[in-house]
Amino acid sequence: MVGDLIPKDRLGRFKEFKGCELYGGYGVFDGLRQQDRFQTITNLLHLVRDNHMPLVYGAVDLGKLKSGLYGSASPLDTAFRICTAGIEECLAKIDSHQFAIVISDDFQAKKIKDGLLESFRGLRKQVRPPDFGIGKSPNTSWHLHDEMYFGDSRQSIGLQMADLCCFFIGKHLEGGDVVAESFYRIIENQIIVSAVVPE
């Protein structure tokens, strides 16, 4: 898809598909025909749909959060916890022996990364003898491997696909963009767990 979309003289500048840049025609996609960019988006989202990739998301309404009782809570941490619980819920339903690894796009800010790791480690207790504690602690993610990892989205097609899906889920939640909504509809049925807080 990269070779079909980006002219040869720009290929050296291409690093990754970012939803906002591809949709808006920014960065390496600047000046490319909207029709071509939108066809690439359609093709990428069809990969998610046609391969039955499950999507889980958590979102935070910043306006409601700031005016509420938990106004100082970290929106990123809240959304992360929603997603982690959603992944656990899905895996527990599918197969008690199914496991997943949590991989996040790498953050430059050490504070953000450390915060997510702390939350993950609180949600995924370490397995220790003699009884290993599996299943004994409520709200614990036993179907997730014992550590989360951070990856560079420029090196990961999976992270780029997640970014694209998140972009259109975000646009859907914001509302008002009819074109973006048509892209959201492609992946809508793949969303198996979702939550927006505060309700």
Protein backbone atom coordinates (compact mmCIF):
# COMPACT_ATOMS: atom_id res chain seq x y z
CA MET A 1 0.00 0.00 0.00
CA VAL A 2 2.89 2.35 0.72
CA GLY A 3 4.29 1.93 -2.77
CA ASP A 4 0.89 2.54 -4.35
CA LEU A 5 0.19 5.67 -2.34
CA ILE A 6 3.47 7.52 -1.92
CA PRO A 7 5.51 8.79 -4.88
CA LYS A 8 8.96 7.26 -5.24
CA ASP A 9 10.72 10.51 -4.44
CA ARG A 10 9.00 10.56 -1.00
CA LEU A 11 9.40 6.92 -0.02
CA GLY A 12 12.56 7.71 1.94
CA ARG A 13 10.54 10.08 4.14
CA PHE A 14 7.85 7.52 4.95
CA LYS A 15 8.12 6.18 8.50
CA GLU A 16 4.64 4.95 9.38
CA PHE A 17 0.91 5.24 8.80
CA LYS A 18 -0.47 7.70 11.34
CA GLY A 19 -4.25 8.00 11.30
CA CYS A 20 -4.38 11.79 11.68
CA GLU A 21 -1.75 12.39 8.98
CA LEU A 22 -3.24 9.92 6.50
CA TYR A 23 -6.77 11.24 7.01
CA GLY A 24 -5.84 14.94 7.02
CA GLY A 25 -3.15 14.83 4.35
CA TYR A 26 -0.28 15.94 6.61
CA GLY A 27 3.39 15.02 6.83
CA VAL A 28 4.54 12.66 4.12
CA PHE A 29 0.93 12.50 2.85
CA ASP A 30 0.76 16.26 2.22
CA GLY A 31 -0.47 17.02 -1.29
CA LEU A 32 -1.55 13.46 -2.07
CA ARG A 33 -5.01 13.06 -3.56
CA GLN A 34 -7.70 12.64 -0.93
CA GLN A 35 -9.25 9.85 -2.97
CA ASP A 36 -5.98 7.86 -2.83
CA ARG A 37 -5.47 8.49 0.90
CA PHE A 38 -9.03 7.48 1.69
CA GLN A 39 -8.74 4.31 -0.41
CA THR A 40 -5.64 3.37 1.61
CA ILE A 41 -7.55 3.97 4.86
CA THR A 42 -10.39 1.80 3.57
CA ASN A 43 -7.98 -1.00 2.62
CA LEU A 44 -6.26 -0.90 6.02
CA LEU A 45 -9.53 -0.93 7.97
CA HIS A 46 -10.82 -3.79 5.83
CA LEU A 47 -7.82 -5.81 7.02
CA VAL A 48 -9.06 -5.36 10.59
CA ARG A 49 -12.63 -6.24 9.67
CA ASP A 50 -11.92 -9.11 7.31
CA ASN A 51 -9.46 -10.76 9.71
CA HIS A 52 -11.95 -10.42 12.59
CA MET A 53 -9.48 -8.53 14.77
CA PRO A 54 -11.16 -7.69 18.08
CA LEU A 55 -10.98 -4.08 19.26
CA VAL A 56 -11.12 -2.91 22.86
CA TYR A 57 -11.11 0.75 23.84
CA GLY A 58 -11.50 2.99 26.82
CA ALA A 59 -12.14 6.71 26.57
CA VAL A 60 -12.39 9.56 29.04
CA ASP A 61 -14.71 12.54 28.65
CA LEU A 62 -12.30 15.24 29.83
CA GLY A 63 -15.00 17.85 30.38
CA LYS A 64 -17.06 15.58 32.62
CA LEU A 65 -13.96 14.26 34.38
CA LYS A 66 -12.66 17.71 35.33
CA SER A 67 -16.03 18.82 36.68
CA GLY A 68 -16.54 15.64 38.71
CA LEU A 69 -15.36 14.16 41.97
CA TYR A 70 -12.28 12.53 40.37
CA GLY A 71 -11.22 15.56 38.36
CA SER A 72 -7.52 15.09 39.09
CA ALA A 73 -7.42 11.46 37.89
CA SER A 74 -5.10 10.68 34.99
CA PRO A 75 -7.21 10.25 31.81
CA LEU A 76 -4.50 8.12 30.19
CA ASP A 77 -4.28 5.81 33.19
CA THR A 78 -8.06 5.54 33.39
CA ALA A 79 -8.37 4.61 29.71
CA PHE A 80 -5.48 2.15 30.06
CA ARG A 81 -7.19 0.41 32.98
CA ILE A 82 -10.45 0.18 31.03
CA CYS A 83 -8.62 -1.45 28.12
CA THR A 84 -6.68 -3.85 30.32
CA ALA A 85 -9.87 -4.98 32.06
CA GLY A 86 -11.59 -5.33 28.68
CA ILE A 87 -8.82 -7.51 27.27
CA GLU A 88 -8.93 -9.70 30.39
CA GLU A 89 -12.71 -10.00 30.10
CA CYS A 90 -12.47 -11.10 26.46
CA LEU A 91 -9.71 -13.62 27.03
CA ALA A 92 -11.47 -15.13 30.03
CA LYS A 93 -14.57 -15.73 27.87
CA ILE A 94 -12.64 -17.22 24.95
CA ASP A 95 -10.42 -19.74 26.69
CA SER A 96 -9.06 -20.03 30.21
CA HIS A 97 -5.64 -20.92 28.77
CA GLN A 98 -5.44 -18.06 26.26
CA PHE A 99 -2.80 -15.39 26.97
CA ALA A 100 -1.93 -11.99 25.52
CA ILE A 101 0.97 -9.58 25.75
CA VAL A 102 0.23 -5.91 26.30
CA ILE A 103 2.32 -3.72 23.99
CA SER A 104 2.08 0.06 24.04
CA ASP A 105 3.50 2.63 21.71
CA ASP A 106 6.70 3.85 23.32
CA PHE A 107 6.40 7.19 25.09
CA GLN A 108 9.18 9.74 25.23
CA ALA A 109 7.99 10.89 28.65
CA LYS A 110 9.39 8.54 31.27
CA LYS A 111 6.72 9.64 33.76
CA ILE A 112 3.93 8.42 31.47
CA LYS A 113 5.66 5.12 30.78
CA ASP A 114 6.37 4.54 34.48
CA GLY A 115 2.74 5.34 35.34
CA LEU A 116 1.41 2.78 32.87
CA LEU A 117 3.86 0.15 34.10
CA GLU A 118 2.79 0.78 37.70
CA SER A 119 -0.88 0.41 36.76
CA PHE A 120 -0.20 -2.74 34.77
CA ARG A 121 1.76 -4.31 37.62
CA GLY A 122 -1.09 -3.47 39.98
CA LEU A 123 -3.57 -5.17 37.66
CA ARG A 124 -1.36 -8.15 36.82
CA LYS A 125 -0.03 -9.54 40.08
CA GLN A 126 3.09 -11.68 39.90
CA VAL A 127 2.60 -15.43 40.12
CA ARG A 128 4.36 -16.80 43.20
CA PRO A 129 4.42 -20.18 44.98
CA PRO A 130 3.12 -21.96 46.94
CA ASP A 131 -0.44 -21.46 45.62
CA PHE A 132 0.53 -19.04 42.80
CA GLY A 133 -2.54 -16.93 43.62
CA ILE A 134 -4.08 -17.42 40.19
CA GLY A 135 -7.70 -16.43 40.18
CA LYS A 136 -7.72 -15.55 43.88
CA SER A 137 -7.45 -11.78 43.56
CA PRO A 138 -10.46 -9.98 42.08
CA ASN A 139 -9.82 -7.49 39.27
CA THR A 140 -6.54 -9.15 38.39
CA SER A 141 -5.56 -9.81 34.79
CA TRP A 142 -4.49 -13.44 34.85
CA HIS A 143 -4.71 -13.84 31.07
CA LEU A 144 -2.02 -11.24 30.42
CA HIS A 145 1.65 -12.10 30.43
CA ASP A 146 3.50 -10.88 33.50
CA GLU A 147 4.99 -7.74 31.96
CA MET A 148 3.92 -5.15 29.43
CA TYR A 149 6.20 -3.93 26.70
CA PHE A 150 6.76 -0.75 24.74
CA GLY A 151 7.46 -0.69 21.03
CA ASP A 152 8.28 1.86 18.37
CA SER A 153 5.23 2.23 16.15
CA ARG A 154 7.52 2.90 13.18
CA GLN A 155 8.65 -0.73 13.51
CA SER A 156 5.26 -2.27 14.25
CA ILE A 157 2.40 -2.67 11.80
CA GLY A 158 0.21 -3.75 14.73
CA LEU A 159 0.76 -0.47 16.58
CA GLN A 160 0.10 1.48 13.38
CA MET A 161 -3.17 -0.41 12.83
CA ALA A 162 -4.16 0.29 16.45
CA ASP A 163 -3.39 3.99 15.93
CA LEU A 164 -5.57 4.09 12.82
CA CYS A 165 -8.49 2.37 14.58
CA CYS A 166 -8.13 4.64 17.64
CA PHE A 167 -8.16 7.70 15.42
CA PHE A 168 -11.53 6.80 13.91
CA ILE A 169 -12.99 5.65 17.23
CA GLY A 170 -11.97 9.05 18.64
CA LYS A 171 -13.58 10.84 15.69
CA HIS A 172 -16.75 8.83 16.24
CA LEU A 173 -16.86 9.81 19.92
CA GLU A 174 -16.31 13.48 19.05
CA GLY A 175 -19.09 13.32 16.46
CA GLY A 176 -19.82 15.66 13.60
CA ASP A 177 -17.43 14.27 10.95
CA VAL A 178 -19.54 12.37 8.44
CA VAL A 179 -16.57 11.12 6.40
CA ALA A 180 -14.69 9.85 9.46
CA GLU A 181 -17.89 8.16 10.62
CA SER A 182 -17.98 6.12 7.39
CA PHE A 183 -14.52 4.77 8.22
CA TYR A 184 -15.58 4.03 11.80
CA ARG A 185 -18.49 1.96 10.45
CA ILE A 186 -16.00 -0.40 8.76
CA ILE A 187 -14.56 -1.48 12.12
CA GLU A 188 -17.58 -0.89 14.37
CA ASN A 189 -18.54 -4.56 14.60
CA GLN A 190 -15.01 -5.50 15.66
CA ILE A 191 -15.38 -3.52 18.90
CA ILE A 192 -16.06 -6.13 21.54
CA VAL A 193 -15.50 -4.05 24.68
CA SER A 194 -15.82 -0.30 25.00
CA ALA A 195 -16.36 2.20 27.77
CA VAL A 196 -16.49 5.97 28.09
CA VAL A 197 -16.07 7.41 31.58
CA PRO A 198 -17.43 9.15 33.49
CA GLU A 199 -20.82 8.00 32.22
